């Protein structure tokens, strides 16, 4: 059957339009797929073998060393508003008193500092030691920079010369260990000069 040239062109245009529509429909992406392509991605600033000093009111408060530091401008998800500094491969911190004298030390396998909150979260084999010989071990620990306070809700062991205290959860301690409070102590042992343990 022969069509006039103008009719043939109309049929070809209609066919092309239908094919294009079908192509668009068959290639349509789901909303979740579109979100993956268009969402804001978080990319941290990275530093290796870093050393950082923290001061407050012009006074040295802490010195931190770590093999790797990741600084997130908008949180790790890229959606938050809290700047965080992550230490995924361990860290060591020296804390100083108001006279810049060493007060205590902290070692941990992981840590993250929330700048807007002025708080540090530590986890995995957290050990705090003081120049007085006290030590605190726990699974995870928070340090409040403004209050100069350590606290945790997990199991903790505190050792001081001549005394050991264990708690199931809940401890607060000042940065210099002048005050240590267990919410749920399960053992409080005191040793004499010979090292023998005396019940409390």
C-alpha atoms as a PDB file:
ATOM      1  CA  UNK A   1       0.000   0.000   0.000  1.00  0.00           C
ATOM      2  CA  UNK A   2       1.420   3.362  -0.964  1.00  0.00           C
ATOM      3  CA  UNK A   3       1.174   6.326   1.402  1.00  0.00           C
ATOM      4  CA  UNK A   4       1.653   9.906   0.417  1.00  0.00           C
ATOM      5  CA  UNK A   5       5.052  11.246   1.506  1.00  0.00           C
ATOM      6  CA  UNK A   6       3.552  13.524   4.146  1.00  0.00           C
ATOM      7  CA  UNK A   7       1.614  10.625   5.722  1.00  0.00           C
ATOM      8  CA  UNK A   8       4.735   8.467   5.711  1.00  0.00           C
ATOM      9  CA  UNK A   9       6.632  11.149   7.596  1.00  0.00           C
ATOM     10  CA  UNK A  10       3.863  11.436  10.166  1.00  0.00           C
ATOM     11  CA  UNK A  11       3.923   7.668  10.733  1.00  0.00           C
ATOM     12  CA  UNK A  12       7.724   7.677  11.125  1.00  0.00           C
ATOM     13  CA  UNK A  13       7.595  10.589  13.587  1.00  0.00           C
ATOM     14  CA  UNK A  14       4.872   8.883  15.614  1.00  0.00           C
ATOM     15  CA  UNK A  15       6.895   5.647  15.646  1.00  0.00           C
ATOM     16  CA  UNK A  16      10.028   7.467  16.799  1.00  0.00           C
ATOM     17  CA  UNK A  17       8.099   9.244  19.539  1.00  0.00           C
ATOM     18  CA  UNK A  18       6.642   5.955  20.841  1.00  0.00           C
ATOM     19  CA  UNK A  19      10.092   4.309  20.757  1.00  0.00           C
ATOM     20  CA  UNK A  20      11.601   7.212  22.684  1.00  0.00           C
ATOM     21  CA  UNK A  21       8.854   7.080  25.313  1.00  0.00           C
ATOM     22  CA  UNK A  22       9.288   3.326  25.670  1.00  0.00           C
ATOM     23  CA  UNK A  23      13.036   3.809  26.108  1.00  0.00           C
ATOM     24  CA  UNK A  24      12.488   6.381  28.857  1.00  0.00           C
ATOM     25  CA  UNK A  25      10.006   4.157  30.673  1.00  0.00           C
ATOM     26  CA  UNK A  26      12.227   1.077  30.492  1.00  0.00           C
ATOM     27  CA  UNK A  27      15.296   3.010  31.747  1.00  0.00           C
ATOM     28  CA  UNK A  28      13.546   4.737  34.650  1.00  0.00           C
ATOM     29  CA  UNK A  29      15.492   4.501  37.932  1.00  0.00           C
ATOM     30  CA  UNK A  30      13.966   3.960  41.345  1.00  0.00           C
ATOM     31  CA  UNK A  31      14.048   6.754  43.929  1.00  0.00           C
ATOM     32  CA  UNK A  32      16.617   4.857  45.991  1.00  0.00           C
ATOM     33  CA  UNK A  33      18.895   4.545  42.953  1.00  0.00           C
ATOM     34  CA  UNK A  34      18.542   8.262  42.247  1.00  0.00           C
ATOM     35  CA  UNK A  35      19.361   9.054  45.890  1.00  0.00           C
ATOM     36  CA  UNK A  36      22.594   7.074  45.639  1.00  0.00           C
ATOM     37  CA  UNK A  37      23.670   9.117  42.609  1.00  0.00           C
ATOM     38  CA  UNK A  38      22.610  12.527  43.869  1.00  0.00           C
ATOM     39  CA  UNK A  39      23.186  12.431  47.642  1.00  0.00           C
ATOM     40  CA  UNK A  40      25.948  14.481  49.220  1.00  0.00           C
ATOM     41  CA  UNK A  41      29.011  12.372  49.883  1.00  0.00           C
ATOM     42  CA  UNK A  42      31.243  12.885  52.921  1.00  0.00           C
ATOM     43  CA  UNK A  43      34.945  13.078  52.122  1.00  0.00           C
ATOM     44  CA  UNK A  44      37.247  13.655  55.103  1.00  0.00           C
ATOM     45  CA  UNK A  45      40.468  15.612  55.349  1.00  0.00           C
ATOM     46  CA  UNK A  46      43.264  13.142  56.113  1.00  0.00           C
ATOM     47  CA  UNK A  47      46.524  13.464  58.048  1.00  0.00           C
ATOM     48  CA  UNK A  48      49.176  10.878  58.927  1.00  0.00           C
ATOM     49  CA  UNK A  49      51.563  10.701  61.893  1.00  0.00           C
ATOM     50  CA  UNK A  50      49.920  13.772  63.327  1.00  0.00           C
ATOM     51  CA  UNK A  51      50.504  15.694  66.525  1.00  0.00           C
ATOM     52  CA  UNK A  52      47.994  18.212  67.842  1.00  0.00           C
ATOM     53  CA  UNK A  53      47.884  20.576  70.820  1.00  0.00           C
ATOM     54  CA  UNK A  54      44.703  21.680  72.560  1.00  0.00           C
ATOM     55  CA  UNK A  55      44.686  24.940  74.475  1.00  0.00           C
ATOM     56  CA  UNK A  56      42.004  26.746  76.444  1.00  0.00           C
ATOM     57  CA  UNK A  57      42.220  30.385  77.568  1.00  0.00           C
ATOM     58  CA  UNK A  58      45.781  30.466  76.258  1.00  0.00           C
ATOM     59  CA  UNK A  59      46.877  27.470  78.349  1.00  0.00           C
ATOM     60  CA  UNK A  60      48.046  24.100  77.089  1.00  0.00           C
ATOM     61  CA  UNK A  61      45.473  21.452  78.021  1.00  0.00           C
ATOM     62  CA  UNK A  62      46.320  18.381  75.970  1.00  0.00           C
ATOM     63  CA  UNK A  63      48.732  16.954  73.430  1.00  0.00           C
ATOM     64  CA  UNK A  64      47.467  14.275  71.058  1.00  0.00           C
ATOM     65  CA  UNK A  65      49.451  11.967  68.787  1.00  0.00           C
ATOM     66  CA  UNK A  66      47.955   9.475  66.334  1.00  0.00           C
ATOM     67  CA  UNK A  67      49.048   7.576  63.203  1.00  0.00           C
ATOM     68  CA  UNK A  68      45.921   8.619  61.261  1.00  0.00           C
ATOM     69  CA  UNK A  69      43.398  11.444  61.580  1.00  0.00           C
ATOM     70  CA  UNK A  70      40.205  11.938  59.557  1.00  0.00           C
ATOM     71  CA  UNK A  71      38.396  15.288  59.861  1.00  0.00           C
ATOM     72  CA  UNK A  72      34.729  15.253  58.848  1.00  0.00           C
ATOM     73  CA  UNK A  73      33.153  18.665  58.147  1.00  0.00           C
ATOM     74  CA  UNK A  74      29.521  17.466  58.292  1.00  0.00           C
ATOM     75  CA  UNK A  75      29.794  14.181  60.157  1.00  0.00           C
ATOM     76  CA  UNK A  76      30.659  10.841  58.573  1.00  0.00           C
ATOM     77  CA  UNK A  77      27.289  10.654  56.812  1.00  0.00           C
ATOM     78  CA  UNK A  78      27.749  14.084  55.243  1.00  0.00           C
ATOM     79  CA  UNK A  79      24.373  15.143  56.599  1.00  0.00           C
ATOM     80  CA  UNK A  80      25.244  16.282  60.123  1.00  0.00           C
ATOM     81  CA  UNK A  81      26.251  19.669  61.456  1.00  0.00           C
ATOM     82  CA  UNK A  82      28.889  18.551  63.975  1.00  0.00           C
ATOM     83  CA  UNK A  83      32.520  18.713  62.897  1.00  0.00           C
ATOM     84  CA  UNK A  84      34.241  15.540  64.066  1.00  0.00           C
ATOM     85  CA  UNK A  85      37.847  14.370  64.089  1.00  0.00           C
ATOM     86  CA  UNK A  86      38.285  10.590  63.984  1.00  0.00           C
ATOM     87  CA  UNK A  87      41.308   8.522  65.008  1.00  0.00           C
ATOM     88  CA  UNK A  88      40.609   5.014  63.661  1.00  0.00           C
ATOM     89  CA  UNK A  89      44.081   3.523  64.226  1.00  0.00           C
ATOM     90  CA  UNK A  90      44.733   4.349  67.907  1.00  0.00           C
ATOM     91  CA  UNK A  91      45.700   7.535  69.724  1.00  0.00           C
ATOM     92  CA  UNK A  92      47.640   8.775  72.741  1.00  0.00           C
ATOM     93  CA  UNK A  93      46.778  11.914  74.724  1.00  0.00           C
ATOM     94  CA  UNK A  94      48.732  13.733  77.431  1.00  0.00           C
ATOM     95  CA  UNK A  95      46.609  15.973  79.688  1.00  0.00           C
ATOM     96  CA  UNK A  96      48.071  18.968  81.517  1.00  0.00           C
ATOM     97  CA  UNK A  97      46.975  20.946  84.564  1.00  0.00           C
ATOM     98  CA  UNK A  98      46.659  24.744  84.716  1.00  0.00           C
ATOM     99  CA  UNK A  99      50.420  25.042  85.234  1.00  0.00           C
ATOM    100  CA  UNK A 100      51.137  22.965  82.085  1.00  0.00           C
ATOM    101  CA  UNK A 101      52.372  20.036  84.188  1.00  0.00           C
ATOM    102  CA  UNK A 102      51.560  16.516  83.023  1.00  0.00           C
ATOM    103  CA  UNK A 103      48.473  15.281  84.847  1.00  0.00           C
ATOM    104  CA  UNK A 104      47.332  12.093  83.129  1.00  0.00           C
ATOM    105  CA  UNK A 105      47.655  10.031  79.936  1.00  0.00           C
ATOM    106  CA  UNK A 106      45.144   8.195  77.773  1.00  0.00           C
ATOM    107  CA  UNK A 107      45.689   5.371  75.296  1.00  0.00           C
ATOM    108  CA  UNK A 108      42.948   3.915  73.119  1.00  0.00           C
ATOM    109  CA  UNK A 109      42.608   1.937  69.887  1.00  0.00           C
ATOM    110  CA  UNK A 110      39.892   4.269  68.580  1.00  0.00           C
ATOM    111  CA  UNK A 111      38.727   7.801  69.291  1.00  0.00           C
ATOM    112  CA  UNK A 112      36.560  10.565  67.881  1.00  0.00           C
ATOM    113  CA  UNK A 113      36.461  14.228  68.909  1.00  0.00           C
ATOM    114  CA  UNK A 114      33.245  16.216  68.468  1.00  0.00           C
ATOM    115  CA  UNK A 115      34.408  19.821  68.101  1.00  0.00           C
ATOM    116  CA  UNK A 116      31.029  21.485  68.622  1.00  0.00           C
ATOM    117  CA  UNK A 117      30.430  19.477  71.802  1.00  0.00           C
ATOM    118  CA  UNK A 118      34.026  19.673  73.104  1.00  0.00           C
ATOM    119  CA  UNK A 119      33.854  15.942  73.892  1.00  0.00           C
ATOM    120  CA  UNK A 120      35.966  12.922  72.999  1.00  0.00           C
ATOM    121  CA  UNK A 121      34.633   9.367  72.723  1.00  0.00           C
ATOM    122  CA  UNK A 122      37.162   6.537  73.173  1.00  0.00           C
ATOM    123  CA  UNK A 123      36.685   2.801  72.754  1.00  0.00           C
ATOM    124  CA  UNK A 124      38.615  -0.471  72.604  1.00  0.00           C
ATOM    125  CA  UNK A 125      41.158  -1.061  75.386  1.00  0.00           C
ATOM    126  CA  UNK A 126      40.929   2.398  76.925  1.00  0.00           C
ATOM    127  CA  UNK A 127      43.599   3.012  79.570  1.00  0.00           C
ATOM    128  CA  UNK A 128      43.965   6.208  81.604  1.00  0.00           C
ATOM    129  CA  UNK A 129      46.960   6.654  83.912  1.00  0.00           C
ATOM    130  CA  UNK A 130      47.861   9.531  86.203  1.00  0.00           C
ATOM    131  CA  UNK A 131      51.211  10.826  87.427  1.00  0.00           C
ATOM    132  CA  UNK A 132      50.128   9.718  90.927  1.00  0.00           C
ATOM    133  CA  UNK A 133      50.137   6.074  89.828  1.00  0.00           C
ATOM    134  CA  UNK A 134      46.359   5.652  89.453  1.00  0.00           C
ATOM    135  CA  UNK A 135      44.952   3.865  86.407  1.00  0.00           C
ATOM    136  CA  UNK A 136      41.507   3.359  84.892  1.00  0.00           C
ATOM    137  CA  UNK A 137      40.669   0.677  82.353  1.00  0.00           C
ATOM    138  CA  UNK A 138      37.341   0.357  80.531  1.00  0.00           C
ATOM    139  CA  UNK A 139      35.758  -0.690  77.229  1.00  0.00           C
ATOM    140  CA  UNK A 140      34.749   2.832  76.281  1.00  0.00           C
ATOM    141  CA  UNK A 141      35.075   6.261  77.822  1.00  0.00           C
ATOM    142  CA  UNK A 142      33.979   9.870  77.290  1.00  0.00           C
ATOM    143  CA  UNK A 143      36.122  12.902  78.081  1.00  0.00           C
ATOM    144  CA  UNK A 144      34.359  16.226  78.615  1.00  0.00           C
ATOM    145  CA  UNK A 145      36.877  18.936  77.777  1.00  0.00           C
ATOM    146  CA  UNK A 146      35.017  21.753  79.535  1.00  0.00           C
ATOM    147  CA  UNK A 147      34.302  19.835  82.740  1.00  0.00           C
ATOM    148  CA  UNK A 148      37.690  18.012  82.748  1.00  0.00           C
ATOM    149  CA  UNK A 149      35.792  14.837  83.471  1.00  0.00           C
ATOM    150  CA  UNK A 150      36.037  11.195  82.371  1.00  0.00           C
ATOM    151  CA  UNK A 151      32.858   9.108  82.417  1.00  0.00           C
ATOM    152  CA  UNK A 152      31.575   5.764  81.163  1.00  0.00           C
ATOM    153  CA  UNK A 153      28.553   3.478  81.433  1.00  0.00           C
ATOM    154  CA  UNK A 154      30.504   0.263  80.854  1.00  0.00           C
ATOM    155  CA  UNK A 155      32.529  -2.054  83.091  1.00  0.00           C
ATOM    156  CA  UNK A 156      35.559  -0.304  84.544  1.00  0.00           C
ATOM    157  CA  UNK A 157      38.526  -1.153  86.745  1.00  0.00           C
ATOM    158  CA  UNK A 158      40.245   1.540  88.785  1.00  0.00           C
ATOM    159  CA  UNK A 159      43.588   0.891  90.443  1.00  0.00           C
ATOM    160  CA  UNK A 160      45.354   3.164  92.874  1.00  0.00           C
ATOM    161  CA  UNK A 161      48.378   2.487  95.085  1.00  0.00           C
ATOM    162  CA  UNK A 162      47.066  -0.004  97.651  1.00  0.00           C
ATOM    163  CA  UNK A 163      43.522  -0.179  96.263  1.00  0.00           C
ATOM    164  CA  UNK A 164      41.555  -1.768  93.387  1.00  0.00           C
ATOM    165  CA  UNK A 165      37.919  -1.013  92.565  1.00  0.00           C
ATOM    166  CA  UNK A 166      35.753  -2.743  89.960  1.00  0.00           C
ATOM    167  CA  UNK A 167      32.336  -1.681  88.732  1.00  0.00           C
ATOM    168  CA  UNK A 168      29.778  -3.194  86.372  1.00  0.00           C
ATOM    169  CA  UNK A 169      28.836   0.127  84.827  1.00  0.00           C
ATOM    170  CA  UNK A 170      28.856   3.801  85.562  1.00  0.00           C
ATOM    171  CA  UNK A 171      31.999   5.690  86.558  1.00  0.00           C
ATOM    172  CA  UNK A 172      32.923   9.349  86.762  1.00  0.00           C
ATOM    173  CA  UNK A 173      36.442  10.602  87.440  1.00  0.00           C
ATOM    174  CA  UNK A 174      38.072  13.993  87.382  1.00  0.00           C
ATOM    175  CA  UNK A 175      40.940  14.387  84.965  1.00  0.00           C
ATOM    176  CA  UNK A 176      43.512  14.321  87.790  1.00  0.00           C
ATOM    177  CA  UNK A 177      41.756  11.393  89.577  1.00  0.00           C
ATOM    178  CA  UNK A 178      41.229  13.499  92.690  1.00  0.00           C
ATOM    179  CA  UNK A 179      37.626  12.217  92.645  1.00  0.00           C
ATOM    180  CA  UNK A 180      36.529   8.808  91.332  1.00  0.00           C
ATOM    181  CA  UNK A 181      32.906   7.715  91.695  1.00  0.00           C
ATOM    182  CA  UNK A 182      31.488   4.276  90.803  1.00  0.00           C
ATOM    183  CA  UNK A 183      27.709   4.042  90.436  1.00  0.00           C
ATOM    184  CA  UNK A 184      27.622   0.237  90.773  1.00  0.00           C
ATOM    185  CA  UNK A 185      30.838  -1.067  92.388  1.00  0.00           C
ATOM    186  CA  UNK A 186      31.106  -4.853  92.656  1.00  0.00           C
ATOM    187  CA  UNK A 187      34.495  -5.089  94.410  1.00  0.00           C
ATOM    188  CA  UNK A 188      36.577  -2.748  96.509  1.00  0.00           C
ATOM    189  CA  UNK A 189      39.876  -4.312  97.518  1.00  0.00           C
ATOM    190  CA  UNK A 190      42.669  -2.767  99.550  1.00  0.00           C
ATOM    191  CA  UNK A 191      46.173  -4.175  99.850  1.00  0.00           C
ATOM    192  CA  UNK A 192      48.619  -3.741 102.715  1.00  0.00           C
ATOM    193  CA  UNK A 193      52.285  -2.828 102.386  1.00  0.00           C
ATOM    194  CA  UNK A 194      53.219  -6.471 101.680  1.00  0.00           C
ATOM    195  CA  UNK A 195      50.745  -6.588  98.764  1.00  0.00           C
ATOM    196  CA  UNK A 196      48.207  -8.877 100.420  1.00  0.00           C
ATOM    197  CA  UNK A 197      44.605  -8.088  99.606  1.00  0.00           C
ATOM    198  CA  UNK A 198      42.411  -6.921 102.458  1.00  0.00           C
ATOM    199  CA  UNK A 199      38.577  -6.988 102.187  1.00  0.00           C
ATOM    200  CA  UNK A 200      36.671  -3.713 102.637  1.00  0.00           C
END
